Amino acid sequence: MAVAEELGVEHEVIVYIKTPPSKEDLEAIVAGLEDPVEDLVRKDSLFKKKELNADDYVGNPEAVVDILVKHKQLLQRPVLVKDGKAIIGRPKARIVDFLSA
């Protein structure tokens, strides 16, 4: 991750397609998430193809975890985790603030 490297922050990159987060990992991310939980779910063409309803995930951490366990491709990224807190790294400027804190 270029921003972390530029800041000299030690980090680990996990390629979610090769190593998808477990249910427990997702629950930990959701527990520390500073963003609305529903933002972890990408509302892209796969989401539409599966005929999912975005309202089902608003304020519903259990539903978010369940859908991401079933469909790892719907995980919004990048997700950054530090000291038990998590953010979605969009826009990119958020990454600098999060890693610098």
Protein backbone atom coordinates (compact mmCIF):
# COMPACT_ATOMS: atom_id res chain seq x y z
CA MET A 1 0.00 0.00 0.00
CA ALA A 2 1.73 3.08 -1.28
CA VAL A 3 0.40 5.55 1.31
CA ALA A 4 1.59 3.41 4.22
CA GLU A 5 4.99 3.00 2.60
CA GLU A 6 5.28 6.75 2.01
CA LEU A 7 4.48 7.36 5.69
CA GLY A 8 6.95 4.69 6.78
CA VAL A 9 4.19 2.76 8.55
CA GLU A 10 4.74 -0.95 8.99
CA HIS A 11 1.75 -2.77 7.54
CA GLU A 12 0.43 -6.05 6.26
CA VAL A 13 -1.53 -6.29 3.03
CA ILE A 14 -4.07 -9.09 2.87
CA VAL A 15 -5.38 -9.92 -0.59
CA TYR A 16 -8.99 -10.64 0.27
CA ILE A 17 -9.67 -12.83 -2.78
CA LYS A 18 -6.80 -15.20 -1.93
CA THR A 19 -7.23 -14.96 1.84
CA PRO A 20 -10.77 -13.86 2.59
CA PRO A 21 -11.46 -12.61 6.09
CA SER A 22 -13.15 -15.11 8.36
CA LYS A 23 -16.45 -14.43 10.07
CA GLU A 24 -14.49 -13.60 13.22
CA ASP A 25 -12.21 -11.20 11.32
CA LEU A 26 -15.24 -9.45 9.82
CA GLU A 27 -16.91 -9.20 13.23
CA ALA A 28 -13.76 -7.56 14.62
CA ILE A 29 -13.62 -5.11 11.70
CA VAL A 30 -17.30 -4.24 12.14
CA ALA A 31 -16.84 -3.79 15.90
CA GLY A 32 -14.07 -1.22 15.34
CA LEU A 33 -15.46 0.39 12.21
CA GLU A 34 -15.63 4.18 12.29
CA ASP A 35 -17.78 4.24 9.15
CA PRO A 36 -21.41 3.18 8.79
CA VAL A 37 -21.41 -0.62 8.74
CA GLU A 38 -23.37 -0.76 5.49
CA ASP A 39 -20.49 1.00 3.72
CA LEU A 40 -18.45 -2.22 3.97
CA VAL A 41 -20.70 -3.74 1.31
CA ARG A 42 -19.99 -2.75 -2.29
CA LYS A 43 -23.19 -1.94 -4.17
CA ASP A 44 -21.83 -2.99 -7.55
CA SER A 45 -23.00 -5.18 -10.42
CA LEU A 46 -22.66 -8.37 -8.35
CA PHE A 47 -24.80 -6.80 -5.62
CA LYS A 48 -27.45 -5.98 -8.23
CA LYS A 49 -27.14 -9.39 -9.90
CA LYS A 50 -27.82 -11.07 -6.55
CA GLU A 51 -30.90 -8.82 -6.23
CA LEU A 52 -29.80 -7.61 -2.82
CA ASN A 53 -31.43 -4.65 -1.09
CA ALA A 54 -29.08 -1.97 0.28
CA ASP A 55 -31.57 -1.12 3.05
CA ASP A 56 -31.10 -4.60 4.53
CA TYR A 57 -27.56 -3.68 5.60
CA VAL A 58 -28.13 -0.22 7.10
CA GLY A 59 -27.15 -0.40 10.76
CA ASN A 60 -27.19 -4.19 10.59
CA PRO A 61 -23.73 -5.57 11.42
CA GLU A 62 -24.89 -9.19 11.44
CA ALA A 63 -26.32 -8.92 7.92
CA VAL A 64 -23.13 -7.22 6.69
CA VAL A 65 -20.94 -9.97 8.12
CA ASP A 66 -23.21 -12.69 6.71
CA ILE A 67 -23.22 -11.26 3.17
CA LEU A 68 -19.45 -10.72 3.18
CA VAL A 69 -18.82 -14.28 4.34
CA LYS A 70 -20.98 -15.54 1.47
CA HIS A 71 -19.72 -13.08 -1.17
CA LYS A 72 -16.19 -11.88 -0.39
CA GLN A 73 -16.15 -9.86 -3.63
CA LEU A 74 -18.65 -7.45 -2.08
CA LEU A 75 -16.15 -6.29 0.55
CA GLN A 76 -15.43 -2.61 0.09
CA ARG A 77 -11.73 -1.93 -0.01
CA PRO A 78 -9.30 -1.01 1.12
CA VAL A 79 -10.14 -1.63 4.76
CA LEU A 80 -7.52 -0.46 7.22
CA VAL A 81 -7.29 -1.78 10.76
CA LYS A 82 -5.12 -0.24 13.46
CA ASP A 83 -5.28 -0.61 17.23
CA GLY A 84 -8.75 -2.17 17.11
CA LYS A 85 -10.17 0.60 14.94
CA ALA A 86 -11.09 0.24 11.28
CA ILE A 87 -11.93 2.51 8.36
CA ILE A 88 -12.70 2.19 4.70
CA GLY A 89 -9.78 3.85 2.92
CA ARG A 90 -11.85 5.95 0.54
CA PRO A 91 -11.16 8.67 -0.30
CA LYS A 92 -7.43 8.09 -0.19
CA ALA A 93 -6.83 11.14 2.03
CA ARG A 94 -8.52 9.28 4.90
CA ILE A 95 -5.68 6.76 4.89
CA VAL A 96 -3.08 9.40 5.77
CA ASP A 97 -5.17 10.75 8.63
CA PHE A 98 -5.90 7.28 9.98
CA LEU A 99 -2.32 6.00 9.82
CA SER A 100 -0.89 9.24 11.20
CA ALA A 101 -3.10 9.28 14.30
